[in-house]
């Protein structure tokens, strides 16, 4: 569209507009970056302390729920919903 001040305006056809959660009035949760608590088989004690968790808890969780040992863990992260994600070397 050519405006009266000489500028050209372009409008996107509504059928090609991106669909977002706000399109359907959906509530979204804020993004929270998970914390790395194990990296290449080494526990980050500082992060573990910030999360109010103990090393014994972590070792037991690895053993009981994931059937693995610390030396086999490439990366372990902990998010705000208390989910522990484990990535193994194998």
PDB file of N, CA and C in Angstrom:
ATOM      1  N   UNK A   1       0.849  -1.159   0.000  1.00  0.00           N
ATOM      2  CA  UNK A   1       0.000   0.000   0.000  1.00  0.00           C
ATOM      3  C   UNK A   1       0.905   1.236   0.000  1.00  0.00           C
ATOM      4  N   UNK A   2       0.574   2.168  -0.829  1.00  0.00           N
ATOM      5  CA  UNK A   2       1.319   3.421  -0.909  1.00  0.00           C
ATOM      6  C   UNK A   2       0.641   4.437  -0.006  1.00  0.00           C
ATOM      7  N   UNK A   3       1.370   4.931   1.035  1.00  0.00           N
ATOM      8  CA  UNK A   3       0.819   5.882   1.998  1.00  0.00           C
ATOM      9  C   UNK A   3       0.856   7.296   1.414  1.00  0.00           C
ATOM     10  N   UNK A   4       0.053   8.183   2.015  1.00  0.00           N
ATOM     11  CA  UNK A   4      -0.028   9.564   1.525  1.00  0.00           C
ATOM     12  C   UNK A   4       1.275  10.329   1.717  1.00  0.00           C
ATOM     13  N   UNK A   5       2.125   9.871   2.679  1.00  0.00           N
ATOM     14  CA  UNK A   5       3.395  10.553   2.899  1.00  0.00           C
ATOM     15  C   UNK A   5       4.517   9.985   2.029  1.00  0.00           C
ATOM     16  N   UNK A   6       4.183   9.084   1.105  1.00  0.00           N
ATOM     17  CA  UNK A   6       5.179   8.535   0.190  1.00  0.00           C
ATOM     18  C   UNK A   6       5.786   7.211   0.622  1.00  0.00           C
ATOM     19  N   UNK A   7       5.486   6.737   1.842  1.00  0.00           N
ATOM     20  CA  UNK A   7       6.024   5.469   2.305  1.00  0.00           C
ATOM     21  C   UNK A   7       5.185   4.309   1.762  1.00  0.00           C
ATOM     22  N   UNK A   8       5.848   3.169   1.653  1.00  0.00           N
ATOM     23  CA  UNK A   8       5.165   1.970   1.213  1.00  0.00           C
ATOM     24  C   UNK A   8       4.973   1.057   2.432  1.00  0.00           C
ATOM     25  N   UNK A   9       3.740   0.613   2.676  1.00  0.00           N
ATOM     26  CA  UNK A   9       3.435  -0.299   3.779  1.00  0.00           C
ATOM     27  C   UNK A   9       3.081  -1.661   3.201  1.00  0.00           C
ATOM     28  N   UNK A  10       3.601  -2.698   3.848  1.00  0.00           N
ATOM     29  CA  UNK A  10       3.332  -4.066   3.416  1.00  0.00           C
ATOM     30  C   UNK A  10       2.628  -4.790   4.553  1.00  0.00           C
ATOM     31  N   UNK A  11       1.561  -5.489   4.239  1.00  0.00           N
ATOM     32  CA  UNK A  11       0.795  -6.235   5.226  1.00  0.00           C
ATOM     33  C   UNK A  11       0.848  -7.712   4.889  1.00  0.00           C
ATOM     34  N   UNK A  12       1.025  -8.530   5.919  1.00  0.00           N
ATOM     35  CA  UNK A  12       1.052  -9.969   5.752  1.00  0.00           C
ATOM     36  C   UNK A  12      -0.374 -10.507   5.757  1.00  0.00           C
ATOM     37  N   UNK A  13      -0.684 -11.334   4.783  1.00  0.00           N
ATOM     38  CA  UNK A  13      -2.002 -11.956   4.717  1.00  0.00           C
ATOM     39  C   UNK A  13      -2.201 -12.782   5.996  1.00  0.00           C
ATOM     40  N   UNK A  14      -3.321 -12.624   6.713  1.00  0.00           N
ATOM     41  CA  UNK A  14      -3.532 -13.331   7.989  1.00  0.00           C
ATOM     42  C   UNK A  14      -3.344 -14.841   7.923  1.00  0.00           C
ATOM     43  N   UNK A  15      -3.601 -15.460   6.783  1.00  0.00           N
ATOM     44  CA  UNK A  15      -3.420 -16.909   6.707  1.00  0.00           C
ATOM     45  C   UNK A  15      -1.962 -17.317   6.795  1.00  0.00           C
ATOM     46  N   UNK A  16      -1.026 -16.352   6.623  1.00  0.00           N
ATOM     47  CA  UNK A  16       0.399 -16.667   6.703  1.00  0.00           C
ATOM     48  C   UNK A  16       1.050 -16.180   7.993  1.00  0.00           C
ATOM     49  N   UNK A  17       0.273 -15.618   8.910  1.00  0.00           N
ATOM     50  CA  UNK A  17       0.818 -15.152  10.185  1.00  0.00           C
ATOM     51  C   UNK A  17       1.171 -16.348  11.067  1.00  0.00           C
ATOM     52  N   UNK A  18       2.205 -16.190  11.863  1.00  0.00           N
ATOM     53  CA  UNK A  18       2.639 -17.253  12.767  1.00  0.00           C
ATOM     54  C   UNK A  18       1.634 -17.434  13.902  1.00  0.00           C
ATOM     55  N   UNK A  19       1.395 -18.679  14.273  1.00  0.00           N
ATOM     56  CA  UNK A  19       0.511 -18.989  15.392  1.00  0.00           C
ATOM     57  C   UNK A  19       1.355 -19.012  16.658  1.00  0.00           C
ATOM     58  N   UNK A  20       0.952 -18.274  17.662  1.00  0.00           N
ATOM     59  CA  UNK A  20       1.665 -18.211  18.936  1.00  0.00           C
ATOM     60  C   UNK A  20       0.701 -18.564  20.063  1.00  0.00           C
ATOM     61  N   UNK A  21       1.206 -18.863  21.252  1.00  0.00           N
ATOM     62  CA  UNK A  21       0.306 -19.144  22.379  1.00  0.00           C
ATOM     63  C   UNK A  21      -0.682 -18.011  22.646  1.00  0.00           C
ATOM     64  N   UNK A  22      -0.278 -16.764  22.405  1.00  0.00           N
ATOM     65  CA  UNK A  22      -1.191 -15.645  22.655  1.00  0.00           C
ATOM     66  C   UNK A  22      -2.347 -15.623  21.656  1.00  0.00           C
ATOM     67  N   UNK A  23      -2.175 -16.246  20.497  1.00  0.00           N
ATOM     68  CA  UNK A  23      -3.256 -16.341  19.522  1.00  0.00           C
ATOM     69  C   UNK A  23      -4.468 -17.029  20.135  1.00  0.00           C
ATOM     70  N   UNK A  24      -4.207 -18.036  20.975  1.00  0.00           N
ATOM     71  CA  UNK A  24      -5.279 -18.801  21.617  1.00  0.00           C
ATOM     72  C   UNK A  24      -5.411 -18.501  23.104  1.00  0.00           C
ATOM     73  N   UNK A  25      -4.888 -17.384  23.536  1.00  0.00           N
ATOM     74  CA  UNK A  25      -4.920 -16.956  24.941  1.00  0.00           C
ATOM     75  C   UNK A  25      -4.408 -18.043  25.880  1.00  0.00           C
ATOM     76  N   UNK A  26      -3.347 -18.727  25.468  1.00  0.00           N
ATOM     77  CA  UNK A  26      -2.735 -19.776  26.288  1.00  0.00           C
ATOM     78  C   UNK A  26      -1.692 -19.156  27.207  1.00  0.00           C
ATOM     79  N   UNK A  27      -1.653 -19.614  28.440  1.00  0.00           N
ATOM     80  CA  UNK A  27      -0.627 -19.162  29.374  1.00  0.00           C
ATOM     81  C   UNK A  27       0.614 -20.025  29.190  1.00  0.00           C
ATOM     82  N   UNK A  28       1.758 -19.401  29.206  1.00  0.00           N
ATOM     83  CA  UNK A  28       3.018 -20.128  29.078  1.00  0.00           C
ATOM     84  C   UNK A  28       3.841 -19.926  30.335  1.00  0.00           C
ATOM     85  N   UNK A  29       4.690 -20.897  30.612  1.00  0.00           N
ATOM     86  CA  UNK A  29       5.581 -20.788  31.762  1.00  0.00           C
ATOM     87  C   UNK A  29       6.882 -20.125  31.322  1.00  0.00           C
ATOM     88  N   UNK A  30       7.477 -19.327  32.187  1.00  0.00           N
ATOM     89  CA  UNK A  30       8.753 -18.721  31.825  1.00  0.00           C
ATOM     90  C   UNK A  30       9.828 -19.791  31.665  1.00  0.00           C
ATOM     91  N   UNK A  31      10.754 -19.540  30.770  1.00  0.00           N
ATOM     92  CA  UNK A  31      11.836 -20.490  30.543  1.00  0.00           C
ATOM     93  C   UNK A  31      12.823 -20.421  31.697  1.00  0.00           C
ATOM     94  N   UNK A  32      13.211 -21.582  32.186  1.00  0.00           N
ATOM     95  CA  UNK A  32      14.179 -21.662  33.268  1.00  0.00           C
ATOM     96  C   UNK A  32      15.328 -22.563  32.809  1.00  0.00           C
ATOM     97  N   UNK A  33      16.502 -22.038  32.789  1.00  0.00           N
ATOM     98  CA  UNK A  33      17.670 -22.792  32.355  1.00  0.00           C
ATOM     99  C   UNK A  33      18.050 -23.824  33.410  1.00  0.00           C
ATOM    100  N   UNK A  34      18.139 -25.108  33.030  1.00  0.00           N
ATOM    101  CA  UNK A  34      18.533 -26.133  34.008  1.00  0.00           C
ATOM    102  C   UNK A  34      19.958 -25.907  34.504  1.00  0.00           C
ATOM    103  N   UNK A  35      20.221 -26.346  35.714  1.00  0.00           N
ATOM    104  CA  UNK A  35      21.552 -26.205  36.313  1.00  0.00           C
ATOM    105  C   UNK A  35      22.342 -27.487  36.098  1.00  0.00           C
ATOM    106  N   UNK A  36      23.598 -27.372  35.716  1.00  0.00           N
ATOM    107  CA  UNK A  36      24.464 -28.532  35.523  1.00  0.00           C
ATOM    108  C   UNK A  36      25.045 -28.935  36.869  1.00  0.00           C
ATOM    109  N   UNK A  37      24.744 -30.175  37.297  1.00  0.00           N
ATOM    110  CA  UNK A  37      25.272 -30.627  38.586  1.00  0.00           C
ATOM    111  C   UNK A  37      26.365 -31.680  38.432  1.00  0.00           C
ATOM    112  N   UNK A  38      26.403 -32.357  37.270  1.00  0.00           N
ATOM    113  CA  UNK A  38      27.506 -33.284  36.988  1.00  0.00           C
ATOM    114  C   UNK A  38      27.983 -33.005  35.568  1.00  0.00           C
ATOM    115  N   UNK A  39      29.276 -32.878  35.434  1.00  0.00           N
ATOM    116  CA  UNK A  39      29.877 -32.668  34.124  1.00  0.00           C
ATOM    117  C   UNK A  39      31.081 -33.578  34.006  1.00  0.00           C
ATOM    118  N   UNK A  40      31.022 -34.497  33.032  1.00  0.00           N
ATOM    119  CA  UNK A  40      32.094 -35.449  32.770  1.00  0.00           C
ATOM    120  C   UNK A  40      32.496 -36.220  34.018  1.00  0.00           C
ATOM    121  N   UNK A  41      31.488 -36.705  34.761  1.00  0.00           N
ATOM    122  CA  UNK A  41      31.720 -37.540  35.933  1.00  0.00           C
ATOM    123  C   UNK A  41      32.141 -36.801  37.191  1.00  0.00           C
ATOM    124  N   UNK A  42      32.108 -35.465  37.158  1.00  0.00           N
ATOM    125  CA  UNK A  42      32.512 -34.658  38.311  1.00  0.00           C
ATOM    126  C   UNK A  42      31.325 -33.843  38.817  1.00  0.00           C
ATOM    127  N   UNK A  43      31.060 -33.944  40.110  1.00  0.00           N
ATOM    128  CA  UNK A  43      29.954 -33.207  40.720  1.00  0.00           C
ATOM    129  C   UNK A  43      30.370 -31.762  40.962  1.00  0.00           C
ATOM    130  N   UNK A  44      29.489 -30.834  40.618  1.00  0.00           N
ATOM    131  CA  UNK A  44      29.711 -29.419  40.903  1.00  0.00           C
ATOM    132  C   UNK A  44      29.109 -29.141  42.281  1.00  0.00           C
ATOM    133  N   UNK A  45      29.934 -29.178  43.305  1.00  0.00           N
ATOM    134  CA  UNK A  45      29.480 -29.052  44.691  1.00  0.00           C
ATOM    135  C   UNK A  45      28.811 -27.703  44.961  1.00  0.00           C
ATOM    136  N   UNK A  46      29.281 -26.656  44.301  1.00  0.00           N
ATOM    137  CA  UNK A  46      28.711 -25.328  44.513  1.00  0.00           C
ATOM    138  C   UNK A  46      27.245 -25.291  44.062  1.00  0.00           C
ATOM    139  N   UNK A  47      26.975 -25.823  42.881  1.00  0.00           N
ATOM    140  CA  UNK A  47      25.606 -25.846  42.371  1.00  0.00           C
ATOM    141  C   UNK A  47      24.739 -26.756  43.225  1.00  0.00           C
ATOM    142  N   UNK A  48      25.271 -27.889  43.627  1.00  0.00           N
ATOM    143  CA  UNK A  48      24.539 -28.818  44.479  1.00  0.00           C
ATOM    144  C   UNK A  48      24.130 -28.144  45.786  1.00  0.00           C
ATOM    145  N   UNK A  49      25.034 -27.360  46.350  1.00  0.00           N
ATOM    146  CA  UNK A  49      24.744 -26.628  47.589  1.00  0.00           C
ATOM    147  C   UNK A  49      23.672 -25.564  47.353  1.00  0.00           C
ATOM    148  N   UNK A  50      23.753 -24.859  46.211  1.00  0.00           N
ATOM    149  CA  UNK A  50      22.751 -23.837  45.890  1.00  0.00           C
ATOM    150  C   UNK A  50      21.357 -24.446  45.742  1.00  0.00           C
ATOM    151  N   UNK A  51      21.300 -25.698  45.314  1.00  0.00           N
ATOM    152  CA  UNK A  51      20.028 -26.399  45.143  1.00  0.00           C
ATOM    153  C   UNK A  51      19.555 -27.076  46.428  1.00  0.00           C
ATOM    154  N   UNK A  52      20.336 -26.918  47.504  1.00  0.00           N
ATOM    155  CA  UNK A  52      20.038 -27.536  48.794  1.00  0.00           C
ATOM    156  C   UNK A  52      19.942 -29.057  48.698  1.00  0.00           C
ATOM    157  N   UNK A  53      20.835 -29.634  47.936  1.00  0.00           N
ATOM    158  CA  UNK A  53      20.927 -31.085  47.790  1.00  0.00           C
ATOM    159  C   UNK A  53      22.288 -31.532  48.294  1.00  0.00           C
ATOM    160  N   UNK A  54      22.373 -32.791  48.691  1.00  0.00           N
ATOM    161  CA  UNK A  54      23.634 -33.335  49.201  1.00  0.00           C
ATOM    162  C   UNK A  54      24.198 -34.338  48.206  1.00  0.00           C
ATOM    163  N   UNK A  55      25.498 -34.535  48.284  1.00  0.00           N
ATOM    164  CA  UNK A  55      26.167 -35.465  47.388  1.00  0.00           C
ATOM    165  C   UNK A  55      25.621 -36.885  47.562  1.00  0.00           C
ATOM    166  N   UNK A  56      25.326 -37.278  48.789  1.00  0.00           N
ATOM    167  CA  UNK A  56      24.769 -38.599  49.054  1.00  0.00           C
ATOM    168  C   UNK A  56      23.437 -38.801  48.357  1.00  0.00           C
ATOM    169  N   UNK A  57      22.602 -37.772  48.359  1.00  0.00           N
ATOM    170  CA  UNK A  57      21.319 -37.843  47.665  1.00  0.00           C
ATOM    171  C   UNK A  57      21.530 -38.086  46.169  1.00  0.00           C
ATOM    172  N   UNK A  58      22.481 -37.366  45.600  1.00  0.00           N
ATOM    173  CA  UNK A  58      22.760 -37.484  44.169  1.00  0.00           C
ATOM    174  C   UNK A  58      23.285 -38.872  43.810  1.00  0.00           C
ATOM    175  N   UNK A  59      24.210 -39.375  44.598  1.00  0.00           N
ATOM    176  CA  UNK A  59      24.778 -40.707  44.352  1.00  0.00           C
ATOM    177  C   UNK A  59      23.684 -41.775  44.461  1.00  0.00           C
ATOM    178  N   UNK A  60      22.835 -41.672  45.499  1.00  0.00           N
ATOM    179  CA  UNK A  60      21.735 -42.625  45.671  1.00  0.00           C
ATOM    180  C   UNK A  60      20.727 -42.543  44.529  1.00  0.00           C
ATOM    181  N   UNK A  61      20.428 -41.337  44.071  1.00  0.00           N
ATOM    182  CA  UNK A  61      19.494 -41.164  42.958  1.00  0.00           C
ATOM    183  C   UNK A  61      20.056 -41.790  41.692  1.00  0.00           C
ATOM    184  N   UNK A  62      21.326 -41.582  41.446  1.00  0.00           N
ATOM    185  CA  UNK A  62      21.960 -42.193  40.270  1.00  0.00           C
ATOM    186  C   UNK A  62      21.876 -43.713  40.339  1.00  0.00           C
ATOM    187  N   UNK A  63      22.160 -44.241  41.515  1.00  0.00           N
ATOM    188  CA  UNK A  63      22.190 -45.693  41.691  1.00  0.00           C
ATOM    189  C   UNK A  63      20.788 -46.306  41.654  1.00  0.00           C
ATOM    190  N   UNK A  64      19.843 -45.734  42.409  1.00  0.00           N
ATOM    191  CA  UNK A  64      18.523 -46.336  42.564  1.00  0.00           C
ATOM    192  C   UNK A  64      17.566 -46.077  41.409  1.00  0.00           C
ATOM    193  N   UNK A  65      17.575 -44.865  40.874  1.00  0.00           N
ATOM    194  CA  UNK A  65      16.606 -44.522  39.838  1.00  0.00           C
ATOM    195  C   UNK A  65      17.152 -44.645  38.421  1.00  0.00           C
ATOM    196  N   UNK A  66      18.443 -44.478  38.268  1.00  0.00           N
ATOM    197  CA  UNK A  66      19.027 -44.492  36.928  1.00  0.00           C
ATOM    198  C   UNK A  66      19.970 -45.676  36.705  1.00  0.00           C
ATOM    199  N   UNK A  67      20.177 -46.500  37.723  1.00  0.00           N
ATOM    200  CA  UNK A  67      21.034 -47.686  37.656  1.00  0.00           C
ATOM    201  C   UNK A  67      22.388 -47.382  37.007  1.00  0.00           C
ATOM    202  N   UNK A  68      23.020 -46.333  37.475  1.00  0.00           N
ATOM    203  CA  UNK A  68      24.327 -45.951  36.947  1.00  0.00           C
ATOM    204  C   UNK A  68      25.199 -45.389  38.067  1.00  0.00           C
ATOM    205  N   UNK A  69      26.460 -45.195  37.738  1.00  0.00           N
ATOM    206  CA  UNK A  69      27.418 -44.627  38.682  1.00  0.00           C
ATOM    207  C   UNK A  69      27.899 -43.283  38.171  1.00  0.00           C
ATOM    208  N   UNK A  70      28.479 -42.526  39.073  1.00  0.00           N
ATOM    209  CA  UNK A  70      28.964 -41.187  38.758  1.00  0.00           C
ATOM    210  C   UNK A  70      29.949 -41.190  37.587  1.00  0.00           C
ATOM    211  N   UNK A  71      30.831 -42.156  37.531  1.00  0.00           N
ATOM    212  CA  UNK A  71      31.864 -42.185  36.492  1.00  0.00           C
ATOM    213  C   UNK A  71      31.292 -42.385  35.083  1.00  0.00           C
ATOM    214  N   UNK A  72      30.048 -42.883  34.990  1.00  0.00           N
ATOM    215  CA  UNK A  72      29.408 -43.123  33.698  1.00  0.00           C
ATOM    216  C   UNK A  72      28.595 -41.937  33.192  1.00  0.00           C
ATOM    217  N   UNK A  73      28.481 -40.883  34.007  1.00  0.00           N
ATOM    218  CA  UNK A  73      27.630 -39.736  33.668  1.00  0.00           C
ATOM    219  C   UNK A  73      28.444 -38.667  32.934  1.00  0.00           C
ATOM    220  N   UNK A  74      28.010 -38.363  31.725  1.00  0.00           N
ATOM    221  CA  UNK A  74      28.630 -37.288  30.956  1.00  0.00           C
ATOM    222  C   UNK A  74      28.112 -35.940  31.442  1.00  0.00           C
ATOM    223  N   UNK A  75      26.782 -35.855  31.608  1.00  0.00           N
ATOM    224  CA  UNK A  75      26.155 -34.601  32.010  1.00  0.00           C
ATOM    225  C   UNK A  75      24.879 -34.918  32.800  1.00  0.00           C
ATOM    226  N   UNK A  76      24.660 -34.177  33.865  1.00  0.00           N
ATOM    227  CA  UNK A  76      23.421 -34.275  34.631  1.00  0.00           C
ATOM    228  C   UNK A  76      22.946 -32.864  34.935  1.00  0.00           C
ATOM    229  N   UNK A  77      21.662 -32.621  34.666  1.00  0.00           N
ATOM    230  CA  UNK A  77      21.096 -31.300  34.927  1.00  0.00           C
ATOM    231  C   UNK A  77      19.894 -31.423  35.851  1.00  0.00           C
ATOM    232  N   UNK A  78      19.595 -30.326  36.534  1.00  0.00           N
ATOM    233  CA  UNK A  78      18.497 -30.258  37.497  1.00  0.00           C
ATOM    234  C   UNK A  78      17.720 -28.988  37.200  1.00  0.00           C
ATOM    235  N   UNK A  79      16.389 -29.102  36.979  1.00  0.00           N
ATOM    236  CA  UNK A  79      15.612 -27.916  36.637  1.00  0.00           C
ATOM    237  C   UNK A  79      14.755 -27.434  37.810  1.00  0.00           C
ATOM    238  N   UNK A  80      14.003 -26.375  37.580  1.00  0.00           N
ATOM    239  CA  UNK A  80      13.212 -25.755  38.653  1.00  0.00           C
ATOM    240  C   UNK A  80      12.055 -26.636  39.115  1.00  0.00           C
ATOM    241  N   UNK A  81      11.695 -27.657  38.320  1.00  0.00           N
ATOM    242  CA  UNK A  81      10.626 -28.577  38.711  1.00  0.00           C
ATOM    243  C   UNK A  81      11.183 -29.833  39.370  1.00  0.00           C
ATOM    244  N   UNK A  82      12.445 -29.766  39.790  1.00  0.00           N
ATOM    245  CA  UNK A  82      13.136 -30.874  40.466  1.00  0.00           C
ATOM    246  C   UNK A  82      13.282 -32.115  39.585  1.00  0.00           C
ATOM    247  N   UNK A  83      13.425 -31.910  38.291  1.00  0.00           N
ATOM    248  CA  UNK A  83      13.670 -33.009  37.361  1.00  0.00           C
ATOM    249  C   UNK A  83      15.173 -33.163  37.154  1.00  0.00           C
ATOM    250  N   UNK A  84      15.659 -34.369  37.370  1.00  0.00           N
ATOM    251  CA  UNK A  84      17.064 -34.677  37.159  1.00  0.00           C
ATOM    252  C   UNK A  84      17.196 -35.391  35.819  1.00  0.00           C
ATOM    253  N   UNK A  85      17.947 -34.810  34.901  1.00  0.00           N
ATOM    254  CA  UNK A  85      18.165 -35.429  33.584  1.00  0.00           C
ATOM    255  C   UNK A  85      19.609 -35.899  33.507  1.00  0.00           C
ATOM    256  N   UNK A  86      19.777 -37.143  33.095  1.00  0.00           N
ATOM    257  CA  UNK A  86      21.078 -37.777  33.053  1.00  0.00           C
ATOM    258  C   UNK A  86      21.443 -38.114  31.608  1.00  0.00           C
ATOM    259  N   UNK A  87      22.657 -37.756  31.195  1.00  0.00           N
ATOM    260  CA  UNK A  87      23.186 -38.121  29.881  1.00  0.00           C
ATOM    261  C   UNK A  87      24.449 -38.923  30.115  1.00  0.00           C
ATOM    262  N   UNK A  88      24.448 -40.161  29.622  1.00  0.00           N
ATOM    263  CA  UNK A  88      25.572 -41.073  29.857  1.00  0.00           C
ATOM    264  C   UNK A  88      26.564 -41.056  28.708  1.00  0.00           C
ATOM    265  N   UNK A  89      27.775 -41.525  28.995  1.00  0.00           N
ATOM    266  CA  UNK A  89      28.787 -41.635  27.955  1.00  0.00           C
ATOM    267  C   UNK A  89      28.376 -42.644  26.876  1.00  0.00           C
ATOM    268  N   UNK A  90      27.737 -43.721  27.290  1.00  0.00           N
ATOM    269  CA  UNK A  90      27.392 -44.803  26.372  1.00  0.00           C
ATOM    270  C   UNK A  90      26.215 -44.476  25.505  1.00  0.00           C
TER     271      UNK A  90
END
